[in-house]
Amino acid sequence: MEKWCLTLICTFASIKFANKLEKLIFLIPENPLKYKSSIYFQNENVRDMTYKSYTIVYKVSFQKNTIEVLRVFNQNKPTN
């Protein structure tokens, strides 16, 4: 297989992954407490959503009526 073809396939897979992840993130406001409390924070309003091998950590603020994505990382490699 040509190198450019592999690059194109990888690029398509990355775009497809990013689009699906974005859709899931935009669904959070419909049920912000759907996902489990974060194992990285001791705050009931911080949640961990898992998609494939990635964790999306987000904070729900009912007072401000906001949801803030704090981090997106591979489950095995949290970043500081």
N, C-alpha and C. Protein backbone atom coordinates (compact mmCIF):
# COMPACT_ATOMS: atom_id res chain seq x y z
N MET A 1 0.84 -1.17 0.00
CA MET A 1 0.00 0.00 0.00
C MET A 1 0.90 1.24 0.00
N GLU A 2 0.51 2.22 -0.76
CA GLU A 2 1.27 3.47 -0.86
C GLU A 2 1.25 4.22 0.47
N LYS A 3 2.35 4.94 0.74
CA LYS A 3 2.44 5.71 1.98
C LYS A 3 1.34 6.77 2.06
N TRP A 4 1.04 7.44 0.95
CA TRP A 4 0.01 8.49 0.94
C TRP A 4 -1.36 7.91 1.26
N CYS A 5 -1.58 6.65 0.83
CA CYS A 5 -2.86 6.00 1.09
C CYS A 5 -3.02 5.70 2.59
N LEU A 6 -1.94 5.23 3.22
CA LEU A 6 -1.98 4.98 4.66
C LEU A 6 -2.20 6.27 5.43
N THR A 7 -1.56 7.34 4.99
CA THR A 7 -1.74 8.64 5.63
C THR A 7 -3.19 9.08 5.51
N LEU A 8 -3.77 8.90 4.34
CA LEU A 8 -5.16 9.28 4.11
C LEU A 8 -6.10 8.47 5.01
N ILE A 9 -5.85 7.17 5.12
CA ILE A 9 -6.68 6.31 5.97
C ILE A 9 -6.56 6.74 7.44
N CYS A 10 -5.34 7.02 7.89
CA CYS A 10 -5.14 7.46 9.27
C CYS A 10 -5.80 8.80 9.52
N THR A 11 -5.69 9.70 8.55
CA THR A 11 -6.32 11.01 8.68
C THR A 11 -7.84 10.87 8.77
N PHE A 12 -8.42 10.04 7.92
CA PHE A 12 -9.86 9.81 7.95
C PHE A 12 -10.29 9.23 9.29
N ALA A 13 -9.53 8.26 9.80
CA ALA A 13 -9.86 7.64 11.09
C ALA A 13 -9.78 8.68 12.22
N SER A 14 -8.79 9.55 12.15
CA SER A 14 -8.64 10.59 13.18
C SER A 14 -9.80 11.57 13.14
N ILE A 15 -10.20 11.96 11.95
CA ILE A 15 -11.32 12.89 11.80
C ILE A 15 -12.61 12.25 12.29
N LYS A 16 -12.81 10.99 11.94
CA LYS A 16 -14.01 10.26 12.36
C LYS A 16 -14.05 10.15 13.90
N PHE A 17 -12.91 9.83 14.50
CA PHE A 17 -12.81 9.74 15.95
C PHE A 17 -13.13 11.09 16.59
N ALA A 18 -12.52 12.15 16.08
CA ALA A 18 -12.72 13.50 16.64
C ALA A 18 -14.18 13.93 16.51
N ASN A 19 -14.81 13.63 15.39
CA ASN A 19 -16.22 13.99 15.19
C ASN A 19 -17.12 13.27 16.18
N LYS A 20 -16.87 11.98 16.39
CA LYS A 20 -17.68 11.20 17.34
C LYS A 20 -17.47 11.72 18.76
N LEU A 21 -16.22 12.01 19.10
CA LEU A 21 -15.93 12.53 20.43
C LEU A 21 -16.61 13.87 20.65
N GLU A 22 -16.58 14.73 19.65
CA GLU A 22 -17.24 16.03 19.73
C GLU A 22 -18.74 15.87 19.93
N LYS A 23 -19.36 14.94 19.22
CA LYS A 23 -20.80 14.70 19.38
C LYS A 23 -21.13 14.27 20.80
N LEU A 24 -20.30 13.37 21.35
CA LEU A 24 -20.53 12.91 22.72
C LEU A 24 -20.38 14.05 23.73
N ILE A 25 -19.40 14.90 23.52
CA ILE A 25 -19.20 16.03 24.42
C ILE A 25 -20.39 16.99 24.35
N PHE A 26 -20.90 17.23 23.14
CA PHE A 26 -22.04 18.13 23.01
C PHE A 26 -23.34 17.53 23.56
N LEU A 27 -23.36 16.24 23.83
CA LEU A 27 -24.54 15.61 24.45
C LEU A 27 -24.52 15.72 25.98
N ILE A 28 -23.39 16.06 26.56
CA ILE A 28 -23.27 16.15 28.02
C ILE A 28 -24.34 17.04 28.65
N PRO A 29 -24.65 18.22 28.09
CA PRO A 29 -25.65 19.09 28.74
C PRO A 29 -27.04 18.46 28.88
N GLU A 30 -27.37 17.48 28.06
CA GLU A 30 -28.67 16.82 28.18
C GLU A 30 -28.80 16.05 29.48
N ASN A 31 -27.69 15.52 29.99
CA ASN A 31 -27.68 14.77 31.24
C ASN A 31 -26.29 14.89 31.86
N PRO A 32 -25.96 16.04 32.44
CA PRO A 32 -24.58 16.29 32.88
C PRO A 32 -24.06 15.35 33.98
N LEU A 33 -24.95 14.72 34.72
CA LEU A 33 -24.50 13.81 35.79
C LEU A 33 -24.54 12.35 35.35
N LYS A 34 -24.66 12.12 34.08
CA LYS A 34 -24.75 10.76 33.54
C LYS A 34 -23.50 9.93 33.85
N TYR A 35 -22.35 10.55 33.78
CA TYR A 35 -21.09 9.83 33.95
C TYR A 35 -20.64 9.85 35.40
N LYS A 36 -19.77 8.92 35.74
CA LYS A 36 -19.33 8.76 37.13
C LYS A 36 -18.51 9.95 37.62
N SER A 37 -18.52 10.14 38.92
CA SER A 37 -17.69 11.17 39.52
C SER A 37 -16.23 10.89 39.18
N SER A 38 -15.48 11.94 39.02
CA SER A 38 -14.09 11.80 38.60
C SER A 38 -13.24 11.09 39.65
N ILE A 39 -12.36 10.25 39.17
CA ILE A 39 -11.39 9.61 40.06
C ILE A 39 -10.16 10.51 40.25
N TYR A 40 -10.09 11.60 39.49
CA TYR A 40 -8.95 12.50 39.53
C TYR A 40 -9.19 13.73 40.42
N PHE A 41 -10.45 13.98 40.76
CA PHE A 41 -10.82 15.14 41.59
C PHE A 41 -11.78 14.68 42.67
N GLN A 42 -11.72 15.30 43.82
CA GLN A 42 -12.66 14.99 44.89
C GLN A 42 -13.74 16.06 44.90
N ASN A 43 -14.52 16.05 43.85
CA ASN A 43 -15.59 17.03 43.68
C ASN A 43 -16.72 16.33 42.93
N GLU A 44 -17.87 16.26 43.53
CA GLU A 44 -19.02 15.56 42.94
C GLU A 44 -19.42 16.13 41.58
N ASN A 45 -19.08 17.37 41.32
CA ASN A 45 -19.47 18.00 40.06
C ASN A 45 -18.44 17.83 38.94
N VAL A 46 -17.34 17.15 39.24
CA VAL A 46 -16.35 16.84 38.21
C VAL A 46 -16.57 15.38 37.81
N ARG A 47 -16.71 15.16 36.51
CA ARG A 47 -17.09 13.84 35.99
C ARG A 47 -16.08 13.32 34.98
N ASP A 48 -16.04 11.99 34.84
CA ASP A 48 -15.20 11.33 33.85
C ASP A 48 -16.07 10.62 32.83
N MET A 49 -15.97 11.05 31.59
CA MET A 49 -16.64 10.36 30.49
C MET A 49 -15.57 9.58 29.76
N THR A 50 -15.83 8.33 29.44
CA THR A 50 -14.87 7.50 28.74
C THR A 50 -15.38 7.18 27.34
N TYR A 51 -14.49 7.36 26.37
CA TYR A 51 -14.80 7.00 24.98
C TYR A 51 -13.58 6.31 24.40
N LYS A 52 -13.79 5.05 23.99
CA LYS A 52 -12.70 4.20 23.51
C LYS A 52 -11.64 4.17 24.60
N SER A 53 -10.41 4.57 24.34
CA SER A 53 -9.39 4.53 25.40
C SER A 53 -9.09 5.92 25.96
N TYR A 54 -10.02 6.85 25.79
CA TYR A 54 -9.81 8.22 26.24
C TYR A 54 -10.78 8.60 27.36
N THR A 55 -10.31 9.46 28.24
CA THR A 55 -11.13 10.00 29.32
C THR A 55 -11.31 11.49 29.09
N ILE A 56 -12.54 11.95 29.20
CA ILE A 56 -12.87 13.36 29.10
C ILE A 56 -13.32 13.78 30.50
N VAL A 57 -12.56 14.65 31.13
CA VAL A 57 -12.87 15.13 32.47
C VAL A 57 -13.56 16.48 32.31
N TYR A 58 -14.75 16.60 32.90
CA TYR A 58 -15.48 17.85 32.78
C TYR A 58 -16.10 18.24 34.12
N LYS A 59 -16.34 19.55 34.27
CA LYS A 59 -16.90 20.08 35.51
C LYS A 59 -18.26 20.71 35.22
N VAL A 60 -19.23 20.36 36.05
CA VAL A 60 -20.59 20.89 35.93
C VAL A 60 -20.76 21.98 36.98
N SER A 61 -21.21 23.14 36.55
CA SER A 61 -21.51 24.23 37.48
C SER A 61 -22.98 24.58 37.30
N PHE A 62 -23.79 24.18 38.26
CA PHE A 62 -25.22 24.48 38.19
C PHE A 62 -25.49 25.95 38.50
N GLN A 63 -24.62 26.56 39.32
CA GLN A 63 -24.79 27.98 39.65
C GLN A 63 -24.58 28.86 38.42
N LYS A 64 -23.54 28.53 37.64
CA LYS A 64 -23.22 29.31 36.43
C LYS A 64 -23.91 28.77 35.18
N ASN A 65 -24.55 27.59 35.34
CA ASN A 65 -25.19 26.92 34.20
C ASN A 65 -24.18 26.64 33.09
N THR A 66 -23.03 26.09 33.49
CA THR A 66 -21.97 25.80 32.53
C THR A 66 -21.42 24.39 32.71
N ILE A 67 -20.80 23.92 31.65
CA ILE A 67 -20.03 22.67 31.67
C ILE A 67 -18.69 22.99 31.05
N GLU A 68 -17.63 22.69 31.78
CA GLU A 68 -16.28 23.01 31.32
C GLU A 68 -15.48 21.72 31.14
N VAL A 69 -14.97 21.49 29.95
CA VAL A 69 -14.10 20.33 29.72
C VAL A 69 -12.72 20.69 30.27
N LEU A 70 -12.26 19.89 31.22
CA LEU A 70 -10.99 20.18 31.87
C LEU A 70 -9.82 19.50 31.17
N ARG A 71 -10.03 18.25 30.76
CA ARG A 71 -8.95 17.48 30.11
C ARG A 71 -9.53 16.40 29.22
N VAL A 72 -8.77 16.07 28.20
CA VAL A 72 -9.04 14.90 27.36
C VAL A 72 -7.70 14.18 27.25
N PHE A 73 -7.66 12.92 27.69
CA PHE A 73 -6.39 12.20 27.63
C PHE A 73 -6.63 10.71 27.48
N ASN A 74 -5.58 10.03 27.04
CA ASN A 74 -5.60 8.58 26.98
C ASN A 74 -5.68 8.09 28.42
N GLN A 75 -6.56 7.13 28.69
CA GLN A 75 -6.78 6.66 30.07
C GLN A 75 -5.50 6.28 30.78
N ASN A 76 -4.55 5.75 30.06
CA ASN A 76 -3.32 5.28 30.68
C ASN A 76 -2.26 6.38 30.83
N LYS A 77 -2.55 7.57 30.30
CA LYS A 77 -1.54 8.62 30.31
C LYS A 77 -2.12 9.97 30.72
N PRO A 78 -2.57 10.15 31.97
CA PRO A 78 -3.07 11.48 32.37
C PRO A 78 -1.94 12.48 32.32
N THR A 79 -2.28 13.71 31.93
CA THR A 79 -1.26 14.76 31.84
C THR A 79 -1.41 15.72 33.01
N ASN A 80 -0.33 16.34 33.36
CA ASN A 80 -0.35 17.31 34.47
C ASN A 80 -0.75 18.66 33.98
